[in-house]
Amino acid sequence: MTAALASCNYFAKEKKGDAIAKAYDKYLYRSDLQGVVPRGVKSIDSIEIVRQFIDNWIQRQVILHQAENNLSPEQKDFTDRLETYRNSLIVYEYESELIRQKLDTLVDQEEIRQFYEQNPDNFQLRENIVRYSYVKIPKASAGLAPAKKAAQLLKSDRPQDLEKLDELCQSSMLSLSIDGGNWIPFTELQREIPIQADDQEGFLRNRTFVETSDSLYVYLVKFNDYKTKESLSPLSYETENIRNIIINRRKLELINRMEKEVFQKALENKEFEIF
């Protein structure tokens, strides 16, 4: 079905408020097209956008007309459902405003730690996670002395060697990422660095250092720690998750408390009765 227009000038010839399309007893007016075409769109594209809008409007009216003629008055009566929906929206808006004004969103580390220790079954890992450091070396530099020295320093556990590694990478234009205590899923690391490991757990148990490459870079990776799936997840890995759980609990408690207080007040003031 196509409602053809020669050009956008078609509309300029119409008087303001005149209809540009009709379906049964419904009319589409030029004013209804405001905002349909984004600013900056070429004229030829705007014609197509307007044509598609009109086609869709006509198609919608045809389907609506068909539905109107094939449903009983009872089926078309949405009064109860609209009232229920309206009431739900009003309550939701009130609760949202209550939360915005009164919810305490500050969660200290001690509360997070206590929740973690009291609910260990909630924090079983679903995937393998790692802490790691790595050096990324352009392939053209991989055989040079700075790259070899970087590998030696990365393997070391001495803090002073990590400082030397940082200095070396800065002076040699090598990319360095030193483990700051953050955990990430092993699969996420594999998306960043081309590490092949069909058996992730076996790989992590048997390696603390790996060298790999792609077409542009050589990657030196040191695994500082790892946790396998179904083991207890580290607290630092769950901190933000626990914070959100605690805040959501507070939301529910705040809403429940409000509901009880409002109900009790209405009861005391005899604002409702049951017949």
Protein backbone atom coordinates (compact mmCIF):
# COMPACT_ATOMS: atom_id res chain seq x y z
CA MET A 1 0.00 0.00 0.00
CA THR A 2 1.57 3.35 -0.98
CA ALA A 3 0.49 6.91 -0.36
CA ALA A 4 2.49 8.75 -3.00
CA LEU A 5 3.90 12.26 -2.67
CA ALA A 6 5.63 14.12 -5.50
CA SER A 7 7.77 16.21 -3.16
CA CYS A 8 7.77 17.91 0.21
CA ASN A 9 6.42 21.00 -1.55
CA TYR A 10 3.15 19.08 -1.72
CA PHE A 11 2.52 20.10 1.84
CA ALA A 12 3.34 23.76 1.24
CA LYS A 13 0.36 23.98 -1.13
CA GLU A 14 -2.04 22.78 1.54
CA LYS A 15 -3.71 25.15 3.92
CA LYS A 16 -2.71 24.76 7.56
CA GLY A 17 -4.79 22.04 9.16
CA ASP A 18 -5.88 20.43 5.87
CA ALA A 19 -5.82 16.65 5.79
CA ILE A 20 -3.15 14.83 3.76
CA ALA A 21 -4.54 11.32 4.18
CA LYS A 22 -7.79 9.65 5.17
CA ALA A 23 -8.69 6.16 6.30
CA TYR A 24 -12.39 5.51 7.04
CA ASP A 25 -13.45 8.40 9.31
CA LYS A 26 -9.91 9.25 10.50
CA TYR A 27 -7.74 12.01 9.03
CA LEU A 28 -4.00 12.65 9.05
CA TYR A 29 -3.05 16.32 9.03
CA ARG A 30 0.07 18.15 7.99
CA SER A 31 0.55 19.23 11.60
CA ASP A 32 0.83 15.54 12.57
CA LEU A 33 4.10 15.35 10.63
CA GLN A 34 5.96 17.73 12.93
CA GLY A 35 9.19 16.12 14.09
CA VAL A 36 8.85 13.13 11.76
CA VAL A 37 11.80 14.20 9.60
CA PRO A 38 15.03 14.78 11.61
CA ARG A 39 16.90 18.01 11.00
CA GLY A 40 19.63 17.90 8.39
CA VAL A 41 18.08 15.08 6.38
CA LYS A 42 18.38 15.48 2.60
CA SER A 43 15.22 16.41 0.69
CA ILE A 44 15.06 13.13 -1.20
CA ASP A 45 15.40 11.19 2.06
CA SER A 46 12.80 13.33 3.81
CA ILE A 47 10.30 12.48 1.08
CA GLU A 48 10.83 8.78 1.71
CA ILE A 49 10.54 9.23 5.50
CA VAL A 50 7.25 11.10 5.13
CA ARG A 51 5.91 8.57 2.63
CA GLN A 52 6.75 5.72 5.00
CA PHE A 53 5.08 7.54 7.91
CA ILE A 54 1.87 7.99 5.92
CA ASP A 55 1.92 4.37 4.76
CA ASN A 56 2.34 3.19 8.34
CA TRP A 57 -0.46 5.46 9.56
CA ILE A 58 -2.88 4.12 6.92
CA GLN A 59 -1.91 0.53 7.64
CA ARG A 60 -2.45 1.12 11.34
CA GLN A 61 -5.91 2.59 10.75
CA VAL A 62 -6.91 -0.35 8.56
CA ILE A 63 -5.85 -2.87 11.20
CA LEU A 64 -7.53 -0.84 13.94
CA HIS A 65 -10.74 -0.66 11.95
CA GLN A 66 -10.68 -4.42 11.43
CA ALA A 67 -10.13 -4.98 15.15
CA GLU A 68 -12.92 -2.57 16.11
CA ASN A 69 -15.40 -4.41 13.88
CA ASN A 70 -14.48 -7.85 15.15
CA LEU A 71 -14.41 -7.30 18.91
CA SER A 72 -17.44 -7.17 21.15
CA PRO A 73 -18.15 -4.06 23.25
CA GLU A 74 -17.06 -6.01 26.32
CA GLN A 75 -13.73 -6.88 24.72
CA LYS A 76 -13.15 -3.24 23.84
CA ASP A 77 -13.91 -1.96 27.30
CA PHE A 78 -10.55 -1.26 28.95
CA THR A 79 -11.89 0.85 31.80
CA ASP A 80 -10.88 -1.53 34.57
CA ARG A 81 -7.48 -2.26 33.09
CA LEU A 82 -6.75 1.43 32.52
CA GLU A 83 -7.74 2.22 36.10
CA THR A 84 -5.50 -0.55 37.43
CA TYR A 85 -2.62 0.66 35.26
CA ARG A 86 -3.15 4.28 36.36
CA ASN A 87 -3.20 3.28 40.03
CA SER A 88 0.00 1.27 39.58
CA LEU A 89 1.72 4.27 37.97
CA ILE A 90 0.63 6.59 40.79
CA VAL A 91 1.91 4.20 43.47
CA TYR A 92 5.16 3.68 41.55
CA GLU A 93 5.76 7.44 41.25
CA TYR A 94 5.06 7.94 44.95
CA GLU A 95 7.41 5.14 45.95
CA SER A 96 10.11 6.47 43.62
CA GLU A 97 9.85 9.92 45.17
CA LEU A 98 9.93 8.42 48.67
CA ILE A 99 13.09 6.48 47.77
CA ARG A 100 14.68 9.58 46.25
CA GLN A 101 14.05 11.65 49.37
CA LYS A 102 14.63 9.17 52.19
CA LEU A 103 16.75 6.22 51.05
CA ASP A 104 20.17 5.98 52.65
CA THR A 105 22.53 4.90 49.86
CA LEU A 106 25.74 5.01 51.88
CA VAL A 107 27.05 1.48 52.56
CA ASP A 108 30.28 1.18 54.52
CA GLN A 109 32.86 -1.53 53.97
CA GLU A 110 32.12 -3.20 57.30
CA GLU A 111 28.48 -3.77 56.36
CA ILE A 112 29.59 -5.21 53.02
CA ARG A 113 32.09 -7.52 54.74
CA GLN A 114 29.48 -8.77 57.24
CA PHE A 115 26.99 -9.51 54.46
CA TYR A 116 29.67 -11.38 52.53
CA GLU A 117 30.66 -13.52 55.51
CA GLN A 118 27.06 -14.28 56.48
CA ASN A 119 26.04 -15.37 52.97
CA PRO A 120 28.90 -17.42 51.49
CA ASP A 121 26.54 -19.62 49.45
CA ASN A 122 25.47 -16.54 47.47
CA PHE A 123 28.98 -15.92 46.21
CA GLN A 124 30.03 -19.05 44.37
CA LEU A 125 31.85 -18.18 41.17
CA ARG A 126 30.16 -19.01 37.87
CA GLU A 127 33.36 -18.56 35.87
CA ASN A 128 37.12 -18.56 36.31
CA ILE A 129 38.60 -15.21 37.32
CA VAL A 130 42.18 -13.91 37.41
CA ARG A 131 44.40 -11.11 38.61
CA TYR A 132 47.23 -10.40 36.20
CA SER A 133 49.87 -7.97 34.96
CA TYR A 134 51.12 -7.74 31.40
CA VAL A 135 53.50 -5.97 29.04
CA LYS A 136 52.53 -5.37 25.40
CA ILE A 137 55.48 -5.12 23.02
CA PRO A 138 55.40 -4.17 19.30
CA LYS A 139 56.61 -7.18 17.32
CA ALA A 140 59.45 -5.17 15.79
CA SER A 141 60.83 -4.61 19.31
CA ALA A 142 60.24 -8.10 20.70
CA GLY A 143 63.84 -9.29 20.27
CA LEU A 144 65.49 -6.18 21.62
CA ALA A 145 67.12 -5.84 25.03
CA PRO A 146 64.32 -3.75 26.67
CA ALA A 147 61.75 -6.43 25.81
CA LYS A 148 63.91 -9.22 27.26
CA LYS A 149 64.54 -7.16 30.40
CA ALA A 150 60.81 -6.48 30.71
CA ALA A 151 60.10 -10.22 30.79
CA GLN A 152 62.64 -10.72 33.62
CA LEU A 153 61.25 -7.87 35.69
CA LEU A 154 57.61 -8.93 35.13
CA LYS A 155 58.32 -12.41 36.47
CA SER A 156 59.85 -11.00 39.65
CA ASP A 157 57.82 -10.65 42.87
CA ARG A 158 60.00 -7.90 44.28
CA PRO A 159 58.27 -4.47 44.49
CA GLN A 160 61.45 -2.69 43.42
CA ASP A 161 61.52 -4.75 40.22
CA LEU A 162 57.99 -3.68 39.37
CA GLU A 163 59.11 -0.07 39.80
CA LYS A 164 62.03 -0.72 37.44
CA LEU A 165 59.61 -2.36 34.99
CA ASP A 166 57.41 0.73 35.05
CA GLU A 167 60.41 2.96 34.35
CA LEU A 168 61.64 0.66 31.58
CA CYS A 169 58.27 0.58 29.83
CA GLN A 170 57.95 4.35 29.96
CA SER A 171 61.44 4.88 28.52
CA SER A 172 61.05 2.15 25.88
CA MET A 173 57.48 2.97 24.79
CA LEU A 174 56.19 -0.42 25.92
CA SER A 175 52.60 -0.76 27.22
CA LEU A 176 52.36 -1.92 30.83
CA SER A 177 49.41 -2.92 32.99
CA ILE A 178 50.27 -3.82 36.59
CA ASP A 179 47.75 -5.72 38.69
CA GLY A 180 46.02 -3.27 41.00
CA GLY A 181 44.14 -5.95 42.91
CA ASN A 182 41.21 -6.10 40.51
CA TRP A 183 39.77 -9.43 39.38
CA ILE A 184 38.37 -10.04 35.89
CA PRO A 185 36.83 -13.10 34.20
CA PHE A 186 39.45 -15.14 32.38
CA THR A 187 37.30 -15.03 29.23
CA GLU A 188 37.43 -11.22 29.35
CA LEU A 189 41.24 -11.37 29.48
CA GLN A 190 41.19 -13.69 26.47
CA ARG A 191 39.23 -11.07 24.50
CA GLU A 192 41.95 -8.55 25.26
CA ILE A 193 44.97 -10.83 24.86
CA PRO A 194 45.10 -13.84 22.49
CA ILE A 195 45.54 -16.60 25.09
CA GLN A 196 44.53 -20.07 23.89
CA ALA A 197 43.21 -22.23 26.73
CA ASP A 198 40.59 -24.88 26.00
CA ASP A 199 40.92 -26.12 29.59
CA GLN A 200 40.98 -22.88 31.55
CA GLU A 201 41.34 -24.45 34.99
CA GLY A 202 44.20 -26.69 33.91
CA PHE A 203 45.87 -23.76 32.19
CA LEU A 204 45.70 -21.58 35.30
CA ARG A 205 46.90 -24.33 37.64
CA ASN A 206 50.01 -24.97 35.58
CA ARG A 207 51.08 -21.47 34.54
CA THR A 208 52.04 -18.28 36.28
CA PHE A 209 53.55 -16.70 33.14
CA VAL A 210 52.71 -16.88 29.46
CA GLU A 211 54.02 -15.26 26.30
CA THR A 212 51.69 -14.97 23.31
CA SER A 213 51.26 -12.78 20.25
CA ASP A 214 49.02 -11.59 17.45
CA SER A 215 49.93 -9.96 14.13
CA LEU A 216 51.07 -6.72 15.77
CA TYR A 217 52.18 -7.37 19.35
CA VAL A 218 53.87 -9.78 21.71
CA TYR A 219 52.17 -10.07 25.12
CA LEU A 220 53.95 -11.04 28.32
CA VAL A 221 51.38 -12.03 30.93
CA LYS A 222 51.94 -12.82 34.60
CA PHE A 223 49.11 -14.43 36.57
CA ASN A 224 49.22 -13.08 40.11
CA ASP A 225 46.23 -15.08 41.36
CA TYR A 226 43.23 -17.01 40.12
CA LYS A 227 39.96 -18.48 41.35
CA THR A 228 38.09 -21.28 39.62
CA LYS A 229 34.35 -21.44 39.08
CA GLU A 230 32.23 -22.86 41.91
CA SER A 231 34.80 -21.70 44.47
CA LEU A 232 34.10 -18.81 46.85
CA SER A 233 34.28 -15.49 45.03
CA PRO A 234 36.68 -12.91 46.53
CA LEU A 235 35.10 -10.10 48.53
CA SER A 236 36.71 -7.44 46.34
CA TYR A 237 35.08 -9.03 43.28
CA GLU A 238 31.63 -8.95 44.91
CA THR A 239 31.77 -5.56 46.63
CA GLU A 240 29.67 -3.62 44.13
CA ASN A 241 27.20 -6.48 43.82
CA ILE A 242 26.76 -6.61 47.61
CA ARG A 243 26.36 -2.84 47.78
CA ASN A 244 23.48 -3.04 45.29
CA ILE A 245 21.87 -5.93 47.20
CA ILE A 246 21.99 -3.97 50.47
CA ILE A 247 20.55 -0.84 48.85
CA ASN A 248 17.74 -2.84 47.21
CA ARG A 249 16.91 -4.39 50.58
CA ARG A 250 16.75 -0.94 52.10
CA LYS A 251 14.36 0.12 49.33
CA LEU A 252 12.02 -2.76 50.11
CA GLU A 253 12.23 -2.09 53.86
CA LEU A 254 11.51 1.61 53.31
CA ILE A 255 8.47 0.89 51.14
CA ASN A 256 7.14 -1.79 53.51
CA ARG A 257 7.56 0.54 56.47
CA MET A 258 5.77 3.34 54.64
CA GLU A 259 2.87 1.03 53.72
CA LYS A 260 2.46 -0.15 57.31
CA GLU A 261 2.61 3.39 58.68
CA VAL A 262 0.08 4.72 56.16
CA PHE A 263 -2.26 1.80 56.78
CA GLN A 264 -1.99 2.17 60.56
CA LYS A 265 -2.69 5.89 60.37
CA ALA A 266 -5.73 5.34 58.16
CA LEU A 267 -6.96 2.67 60.58
CA GLU A 268 -6.58 4.95 63.60
CA ASN A 269 -8.39 7.79 61.80
CA LYS A 270 -11.19 5.43 60.69
CA GLU A 271 -10.59 6.39 57.04
CA PHE A 272 -11.83 3.06 55.73
CA GLU A 273 -14.35 0.42 56.71
CA ILE A 274 -15.29 -3.08 55.65
CA PHE A 275 -18.96 -3.86 55.11
